[in-house]
Amino acid sequence: MIDTVCIDSPEALSRFVFQVDRLHDALLHEAVLLHPGYVDQDRKMWGDAELPNTRLLFQSQSPDFSAVQVNLSGITRFRLDPQLEFQLEAEFDEDELVFYPSGKSNADRSEIRAAHGEYKILGQQFLGSEYKLAHSPE
């Protein structure tokens, strides 16, 4: 079983950024937005005012970790520019967890804000194109 680590303090956030080496030599294999709301069989909408969550899977060339899954809840901003290189910086800002995947200087192009975050370091079995967090409906 893989342990999930909460990002609930500036120290935990710093440990995460260090542990994943600022996502240097990593790529975002998958990003999934998950909304807790839904439309039921009677076409009624439930939970539409709630904030979405996201799950991100980064794969890495680093010898220190193969992959990391990041789960964020209460997303208030989700902006990623796939043309930028990862140089992760992060901070707590007014009780919000803020990720700058491509550095704070690129916040206008890549920034994720969330109420809560957690992560788990994954093993080599999570490398490769076949590993997916979400599957295409058929």
N, C-alpha and C. Protein backbone atom coordinates (compact mmCIF):
# COMPACT_ATOMS: atom_id res chain seq x y z
N MET A 1 0.84 -1.19 0.00
CA MET A 1 0.00 0.00 0.00
C MET A 1 0.88 1.25 0.00
N ILE A 2 0.49 2.23 -0.75
CA ILE A 2 1.25 3.47 -0.88
C ILE A 2 0.66 4.50 0.08
N ASP A 3 1.52 5.10 0.90
CA ASP A 3 1.06 6.10 1.87
C ASP A 3 0.78 7.43 1.20
N THR A 4 -0.33 8.03 1.58
CA THR A 4 -0.69 9.37 1.13
C THR A 4 -0.21 10.36 2.18
N VAL A 5 0.42 11.44 1.73
CA VAL A 5 0.97 12.45 2.63
C VAL A 5 0.18 13.74 2.45
N CYS A 6 -0.35 14.28 3.54
CA CYS A 6 -1.09 15.55 3.48
C CYS A 6 -0.12 16.72 3.34
N ILE A 7 -0.53 17.69 2.56
CA ILE A 7 0.22 18.94 2.45
C ILE A 7 -0.57 19.97 3.25
N ASP A 8 -0.29 19.99 4.55
CA ASP A 8 -1.10 20.80 5.45
C ASP A 8 -0.33 21.86 6.22
N SER A 9 0.92 22.08 5.81
CA SER A 9 1.73 23.11 6.47
C SER A 9 2.80 23.57 5.49
N PRO A 10 3.39 24.73 5.74
CA PRO A 10 4.50 25.17 4.88
C PRO A 10 5.66 24.17 4.86
N GLU A 11 5.90 23.51 6.00
CA GLU A 11 6.98 22.52 6.07
C GLU A 11 6.66 21.30 5.19
N ALA A 12 5.42 20.82 5.26
CA ALA A 12 5.02 19.68 4.43
C ALA A 12 5.09 20.05 2.95
N LEU A 13 4.73 21.27 2.63
CA LEU A 13 4.80 21.74 1.26
C LEU A 13 6.24 21.79 0.77
N SER A 14 7.14 22.30 1.59
CA SER A 14 8.56 22.35 1.23
C SER A 14 9.13 20.95 1.04
N ARG A 15 8.75 20.02 1.92
CA ARG A 15 9.21 18.63 1.78
C ARG A 15 8.75 18.03 0.46
N PHE A 16 7.49 18.30 0.09
CA PHE A 16 6.96 17.79 -1.17
C PHE A 16 7.75 18.33 -2.36
N VAL A 17 7.93 19.64 -2.41
CA VAL A 17 8.65 20.27 -3.53
C VAL A 17 10.07 19.71 -3.62
N PHE A 18 10.72 19.51 -2.47
CA PHE A 18 12.06 18.93 -2.46
C PHE A 18 12.04 17.47 -2.91
N GLN A 19 11.08 16.70 -2.40
CA GLN A 19 11.01 15.26 -2.70
C GLN A 19 10.81 15.01 -4.19
N VAL A 20 10.04 15.87 -4.86
CA VAL A 20 9.81 15.69 -6.31
C VAL A 20 10.77 16.54 -7.14
N ASP A 21 11.80 17.08 -6.50
CA ASP A 21 12.85 17.83 -7.19
C ASP A 21 12.27 18.92 -8.10
N ARG A 22 11.24 19.64 -7.56
CA ARG A 22 10.58 20.73 -8.28
C ARG A 22 9.99 20.26 -9.62
N LEU A 23 9.78 18.94 -9.76
CA LEU A 23 9.27 18.31 -10.98
C LEU A 23 10.23 18.45 -12.16
N HIS A 24 11.51 18.73 -11.85
CA HIS A 24 12.54 18.74 -12.88
C HIS A 24 12.62 17.35 -13.50
N ASP A 25 12.73 17.26 -14.80
CA ASP A 25 12.76 15.99 -15.53
C ASP A 25 11.48 15.18 -15.35
N ALA A 26 10.37 15.86 -15.08
CA ALA A 26 9.08 15.19 -14.96
C ALA A 26 8.15 15.69 -16.05
N LEU A 27 7.16 14.86 -16.35
CA LEU A 27 6.12 15.31 -17.29
C LEU A 27 4.76 15.01 -16.69
N LEU A 28 3.81 15.85 -17.03
CA LEU A 28 2.44 15.66 -16.58
C LEU A 28 1.81 14.63 -17.51
N HIS A 29 1.66 13.41 -17.01
CA HIS A 29 1.10 12.34 -17.82
C HIS A 29 -0.42 12.47 -17.92
N GLU A 30 -1.03 12.94 -16.84
CA GLU A 30 -2.49 13.06 -16.86
C GLU A 30 -2.95 14.06 -15.81
N ALA A 31 -4.00 14.81 -16.16
CA ALA A 31 -4.66 15.73 -15.25
C ALA A 31 -6.16 15.50 -15.39
N VAL A 32 -6.82 15.28 -14.26
CA VAL A 32 -8.24 14.99 -14.27
C VAL A 32 -8.95 15.96 -13.35
N LEU A 33 -9.94 16.68 -13.86
CA LEU A 33 -10.80 17.51 -13.01
C LEU A 33 -11.99 16.65 -12.61
N LEU A 34 -12.27 16.61 -11.33
CA LEU A 34 -13.34 15.78 -10.79
C LEU A 34 -14.31 16.68 -10.04
N HIS A 35 -15.51 16.77 -10.51
CA HIS A 35 -16.50 17.62 -9.84
C HIS A 35 -17.39 16.75 -8.96
N PRO A 36 -17.61 17.15 -7.71
CA PRO A 36 -18.47 16.36 -6.83
C PRO A 36 -19.95 16.45 -7.22
N GLY A 37 -20.31 17.43 -8.01
CA GLY A 37 -21.70 17.55 -8.46
C GLY A 37 -22.01 16.57 -9.56
N TYR A 38 -23.29 16.41 -9.83
CA TYR A 38 -23.72 15.49 -10.88
C TYR A 38 -25.15 15.79 -11.29
N VAL A 39 -25.55 15.21 -12.40
CA VAL A 39 -26.93 15.28 -12.87
C VAL A 39 -27.52 13.88 -12.72
N ASP A 40 -28.66 13.79 -12.02
CA ASP A 40 -29.24 12.46 -11.77
C ASP A 40 -30.14 12.00 -12.92
N GLN A 41 -30.74 10.84 -12.76
CA GLN A 41 -31.57 10.24 -13.81
C GLN A 41 -32.79 11.08 -14.16
N ASP A 42 -33.24 11.94 -13.21
CA ASP A 42 -34.37 12.83 -13.46
C ASP A 42 -33.93 14.18 -14.02
N ARG A 43 -32.67 14.28 -14.39
CA ARG A 43 -32.07 15.50 -14.96
C ARG A 43 -31.99 16.65 -13.96
N LYS A 44 -31.97 16.31 -12.65
CA LYS A 44 -31.79 17.32 -11.61
C LYS A 44 -30.30 17.42 -11.32
N MET A 45 -29.85 18.66 -11.09
CA MET A 45 -28.44 18.90 -10.82
C MET A 45 -28.22 18.99 -9.32
N TRP A 46 -27.18 18.30 -8.84
CA TRP A 46 -26.83 18.26 -7.42
C TRP A 46 -25.38 18.70 -7.24
N GLY A 47 -25.14 19.54 -6.25
CA GLY A 47 -23.77 19.93 -5.91
C GLY A 47 -23.09 20.82 -6.93
N ASP A 48 -23.86 21.49 -7.77
CA ASP A 48 -23.27 22.30 -8.84
C ASP A 48 -22.54 23.53 -8.31
N ALA A 49 -22.81 23.94 -7.08
CA ALA A 49 -22.12 25.11 -6.52
C ALA A 49 -20.83 24.74 -5.80
N GLU A 50 -20.55 23.43 -5.68
CA GLU A 50 -19.33 22.99 -5.01
C GLU A 50 -18.13 23.17 -5.94
N LEU A 51 -16.96 23.30 -5.35
CA LEU A 51 -15.74 23.46 -6.13
C LEU A 51 -15.22 22.09 -6.58
N PRO A 52 -14.60 22.04 -7.75
CA PRO A 52 -14.07 20.76 -8.25
C PRO A 52 -12.78 20.36 -7.55
N ASN A 53 -12.39 19.14 -7.77
CA ASN A 53 -11.13 18.59 -7.30
C ASN A 53 -10.30 18.23 -8.53
N THR A 54 -9.03 17.95 -8.32
CA THR A 54 -8.19 17.50 -9.43
C THR A 54 -7.24 16.41 -8.97
N ARG A 55 -6.89 15.56 -9.89
CA ARG A 55 -5.89 14.53 -9.66
C ARG A 55 -4.88 14.65 -10.78
N LEU A 56 -3.60 14.72 -10.41
CA LEU A 56 -2.53 14.89 -11.38
C LEU A 56 -1.55 13.74 -11.24
N LEU A 57 -1.08 13.24 -12.36
CA LEU A 57 -0.08 12.18 -12.35
C LEU A 57 1.14 12.67 -13.12
N PHE A 58 2.24 12.79 -12.39
CA PHE A 58 3.51 13.17 -13.00
C PHE A 58 4.40 11.94 -13.06
N GLN A 59 5.02 11.71 -14.20
CA GLN A 59 6.02 10.66 -14.34
C GLN A 59 7.38 11.34 -14.46
N SER A 60 8.42 10.68 -13.95
CA SER A 60 9.72 11.33 -13.87
C SER A 60 10.86 10.45 -14.37
N GLN A 61 11.86 11.11 -14.93
CA GLN A 61 13.10 10.44 -15.31
C GLN A 61 14.06 10.37 -14.13
N SER A 62 13.73 11.00 -13.04
CA SER A 62 14.61 11.07 -11.87
C SER A 62 14.85 9.68 -11.28
N PRO A 63 16.07 9.39 -10.85
CA PRO A 63 16.32 8.12 -10.16
C PRO A 63 15.72 8.10 -8.75
N ASP A 64 15.31 9.27 -8.25
CA ASP A 64 14.78 9.36 -6.88
C ASP A 64 13.30 9.03 -6.76
N PHE A 65 12.53 9.25 -7.82
CA PHE A 65 11.11 8.86 -7.80
C PHE A 65 10.66 8.64 -9.24
N SER A 66 9.77 7.68 -9.42
CA SER A 66 9.29 7.34 -10.75
C SER A 66 8.05 8.12 -11.14
N ALA A 67 7.17 8.30 -10.17
CA ALA A 67 5.91 8.98 -10.45
C ALA A 67 5.35 9.52 -9.13
N VAL A 68 4.51 10.53 -9.26
CA VAL A 68 3.83 11.08 -8.09
C VAL A 68 2.40 11.42 -8.49
N GLN A 69 1.47 11.06 -7.63
CA GLN A 69 0.07 11.43 -7.82
C GLN A 69 -0.25 12.54 -6.83
N VAL A 70 -0.80 13.63 -7.32
CA VAL A 70 -1.17 14.77 -6.48
C VAL A 70 -2.69 14.91 -6.53
N ASN A 71 -3.31 14.91 -5.38
CA ASN A 71 -4.76 15.09 -5.26
C ASN A 71 -5.02 16.44 -4.60
N LEU A 72 -5.78 17.28 -5.26
CA LEU A 72 -6.11 18.59 -4.74
C LEU A 72 -7.63 18.74 -4.69
N SER A 73 -8.13 19.32 -3.61
CA SER A 73 -9.57 19.52 -3.50
C SER A 73 -9.88 20.99 -3.30
N GLY A 74 -11.11 21.36 -3.69
CA GLY A 74 -11.54 22.76 -3.58
C GLY A 74 -10.77 23.67 -4.52
N ILE A 75 -10.72 23.30 -5.78
CA ILE A 75 -9.96 24.05 -6.78
C ILE A 75 -10.65 25.38 -7.09
N THR A 76 -9.91 26.49 -6.90
CA THR A 76 -10.45 27.80 -7.26
C THR A 76 -9.80 28.35 -8.53
N ARG A 77 -8.63 27.79 -8.89
CA ARG A 77 -7.98 28.19 -10.14
C ARG A 77 -7.20 26.99 -10.66
N PHE A 78 -7.35 26.73 -11.95
CA PHE A 78 -6.63 25.62 -12.58
C PHE A 78 -6.18 26.10 -13.95
N ARG A 79 -4.91 26.43 -14.02
CA ARG A 79 -4.36 26.97 -15.26
C ARG A 79 -3.02 26.29 -15.49
N LEU A 80 -2.87 25.62 -16.63
CA LEU A 80 -1.61 24.96 -16.99
C LEU A 80 -1.26 25.29 -18.43
N ASP A 81 -0.03 25.64 -18.65
CA ASP A 81 0.46 25.87 -20.00
C ASP A 81 1.41 24.71 -20.33
N PRO A 82 1.01 23.80 -21.21
CA PRO A 82 1.83 22.63 -21.50
C PRO A 82 3.13 22.95 -22.24
N GLN A 83 3.29 24.18 -22.69
CA GLN A 83 4.51 24.55 -23.40
C GLN A 83 5.63 24.99 -22.45
N LEU A 84 5.30 25.20 -21.19
CA LEU A 84 6.30 25.63 -20.22
C LEU A 84 6.96 24.43 -19.54
N GLU A 85 8.22 24.58 -19.16
CA GLU A 85 8.91 23.53 -18.41
C GLU A 85 8.49 23.61 -16.95
N PHE A 86 8.52 22.46 -16.29
CA PHE A 86 8.19 22.43 -14.86
C PHE A 86 9.38 22.87 -14.03
N GLN A 87 9.14 23.82 -13.16
CA GLN A 87 10.06 24.28 -12.13
C GLN A 87 9.19 24.66 -10.94
N LEU A 88 8.60 23.64 -10.33
CA LEU A 88 7.57 23.82 -9.31
C LEU A 88 8.01 24.73 -8.17
N GLU A 89 7.18 25.72 -7.91
CA GLU A 89 7.25 26.53 -6.70
C GLU A 89 5.85 26.46 -6.08
N ALA A 90 5.77 26.60 -4.77
CA ALA A 90 4.47 26.49 -4.10
C ALA A 90 4.50 27.29 -2.81
N GLU A 91 3.30 27.65 -2.36
CA GLU A 91 3.18 28.42 -1.12
C GLU A 91 1.75 28.31 -0.60
N PHE A 92 1.58 28.72 0.65
CA PHE A 92 0.26 28.91 1.21
C PHE A 92 -0.04 30.40 1.11
N ASP A 93 -1.21 30.74 0.59
CA ASP A 93 -1.61 32.13 0.43
C ASP A 93 -3.03 32.27 0.95
N GLU A 94 -3.18 32.94 2.10
CA GLU A 94 -4.50 33.12 2.71
C GLU A 94 -5.25 31.80 2.82
N ASP A 95 -4.63 30.82 3.46
CA ASP A 95 -5.21 29.50 3.70
C ASP A 95 -5.48 28.70 2.42
N GLU A 96 -4.90 29.11 1.33
CA GLU A 96 -5.04 28.37 0.08
C GLU A 96 -3.67 27.83 -0.32
N LEU A 97 -3.67 26.61 -0.80
CA LEU A 97 -2.45 25.99 -1.30
C LEU A 97 -2.29 26.42 -2.74
N VAL A 98 -1.13 26.99 -3.08
CA VAL A 98 -0.91 27.52 -4.42
C VAL A 98 0.30 26.83 -5.03
N PHE A 99 0.07 26.21 -6.20
CA PHE A 99 1.15 25.58 -6.97
C PHE A 99 1.43 26.45 -8.19
N TYR A 100 2.68 26.71 -8.41
CA TYR A 100 3.14 27.38 -9.63
C TYR A 100 3.99 26.33 -10.37
N PRO A 101 3.38 25.50 -11.20
CA PRO A 101 4.12 24.40 -11.84
C PRO A 101 5.35 24.85 -12.62
N SER A 102 5.31 26.03 -13.20
CA SER A 102 6.43 26.53 -14.00
C SER A 102 7.07 27.76 -13.35
N GLY A 103 6.99 27.82 -12.05
CA GLY A 103 7.57 28.93 -11.31
C GLY A 103 6.60 30.08 -11.13
N LYS A 104 6.82 30.81 -10.06
CA LYS A 104 5.93 31.93 -9.73
C LYS A 104 5.95 33.01 -10.80
N SER A 105 7.06 33.16 -11.51
CA SER A 105 7.15 34.18 -12.57
C SER A 105 6.22 33.87 -13.74
N ASN A 106 5.74 32.62 -13.83
CA ASN A 106 4.81 32.23 -14.89
C ASN A 106 3.39 31.99 -14.36
N ALA A 107 3.06 32.61 -13.22
CA ALA A 107 1.76 32.40 -12.60
C ALA A 107 0.60 32.79 -13.52
N ASP A 108 0.82 33.74 -14.40
CA ASP A 108 -0.25 34.14 -15.32
C ASP A 108 -0.56 33.05 -16.34
N ARG A 109 0.34 32.07 -16.49
CA ARG A 109 0.14 30.99 -17.46
C ARG A 109 -0.05 29.62 -16.82
N SER A 110 0.50 29.42 -15.63
CA SER A 110 0.38 28.14 -14.93
C SER A 110 0.28 28.37 -13.43
N GLU A 111 -0.91 28.09 -12.90
CA GLU A 111 -1.16 28.26 -11.46
C GLU A 111 -2.34 27.39 -11.07
N ILE A 112 -2.21 26.71 -9.95
CA ILE A 112 -3.30 25.89 -9.41
C ILE A 112 -3.50 26.30 -7.96
N ARG A 113 -4.74 26.65 -7.61
CA ARG A 113 -5.10 27.03 -6.24
C ARG A 113 -6.11 26.04 -5.70
N ALA A 114 -5.88 25.58 -4.47
CA ALA A 114 -6.75 24.57 -3.88
C ALA A 114 -6.86 24.78 -2.38
N ALA A 115 -7.94 24.26 -1.81
CA ALA A 115 -8.14 24.34 -0.36
C ALA A 115 -7.30 23.30 0.37
N HIS A 116 -7.07 22.14 -0.24
CA HIS A 116 -6.38 21.05 0.43
C HIS A 116 -5.59 20.25 -0.59
N GLY A 117 -4.48 19.67 -0.15
CA GLY A 117 -3.67 18.86 -1.05
C GLY A 117 -3.05 17.68 -0.35
N GLU A 118 -2.78 16.64 -1.14
CA GLU A 118 -2.08 15.47 -0.66
C GLU A 118 -1.38 14.82 -1.85
N TYR A 119 -0.41 13.96 -1.55
CA TYR A 119 0.32 13.30 -2.63
C TYR A 119 0.78 11.93 -2.20
N LYS A 120 1.14 11.13 -3.18
CA LYS A 120 1.79 9.86 -2.90
C LYS A 120 2.82 9.60 -3.98
N ILE A 121 3.99 9.17 -3.53
CA ILE A 121 5.06 8.80 -4.44
C ILE A 121 4.77 7.38 -4.92
N LEU A 122 4.82 7.20 -6.22
CA LEU A 122 4.48 5.92 -6.83
C LEU A 122 5.73 5.22 -7.36
N GLY A 123 5.65 3.92 -7.51
CA GLY A 123 6.78 3.13 -7.98
C GLY A 123 6.86 3.04 -9.49
N GLN A 124 7.84 2.26 -9.96
CA GLN A 124 8.09 2.13 -11.39
C GLN A 124 6.92 1.54 -12.16
N GLN A 125 6.05 0.79 -11.48
CA GLN A 125 4.89 0.21 -12.17
C GLN A 125 3.92 1.29 -12.67
N PHE A 126 4.13 2.54 -12.26
CA PHE A 126 3.27 3.64 -12.69
C PHE A 126 3.88 4.42 -13.85
N LEU A 127 4.93 3.90 -14.43
CA LEU A 127 5.50 4.49 -15.64
C LEU A 127 4.86 3.84 -16.86
N GLY A 128 5.02 4.47 -17.99
CA GLY A 128 4.50 3.91 -19.23
C GLY A 128 3.20 4.56 -19.66
N SER A 129 2.89 4.42 -20.93
CA SER A 129 1.71 5.07 -21.49
C SER A 129 0.41 4.41 -21.08
N GLU A 130 0.46 3.14 -20.66
CA GLU A 130 -0.78 2.44 -20.34
C GLU A 130 -1.36 2.82 -18.99
N TYR A 131 -0.56 3.42 -18.11
CA TYR A 131 -1.10 3.80 -16.80
C TYR A 131 -1.96 5.05 -16.94
N LYS A 132 -3.20 4.96 -16.52
CA LYS A 132 -4.16 6.07 -16.63
C LYS A 132 -4.94 6.22 -15.33
N LEU A 133 -5.23 7.46 -14.97
CA LEU A 133 -6.11 7.75 -13.84
C LEU A 133 -7.58 7.70 -14.28
N ALA A 134 -7.82 8.06 -15.52
CA ALA A 134 -9.17 8.08 -16.06
C ALA A 134 -9.18 7.26 -17.34
N HIS A 135 -10.31 6.72 -17.67
CA HIS A 135 -10.44 5.92 -18.89
C HIS A 135 -11.46 6.56 -19.81
N SER A 136 -11.26 6.42 -21.11
CA SER A 136 -12.18 6.99 -22.09
C SER A 136 -13.47 6.18 -22.10
N PRO A 137 -14.61 6.85 -22.10
CA PRO A 137 -15.88 6.11 -22.21
C PRO A 137 -16.00 5.51 -23.61
N GLU A 138 -16.54 4.34 -23.67
CA GLU A 138 -16.68 3.68 -24.98
C GLU A 138 -18.12 3.43 -25.32
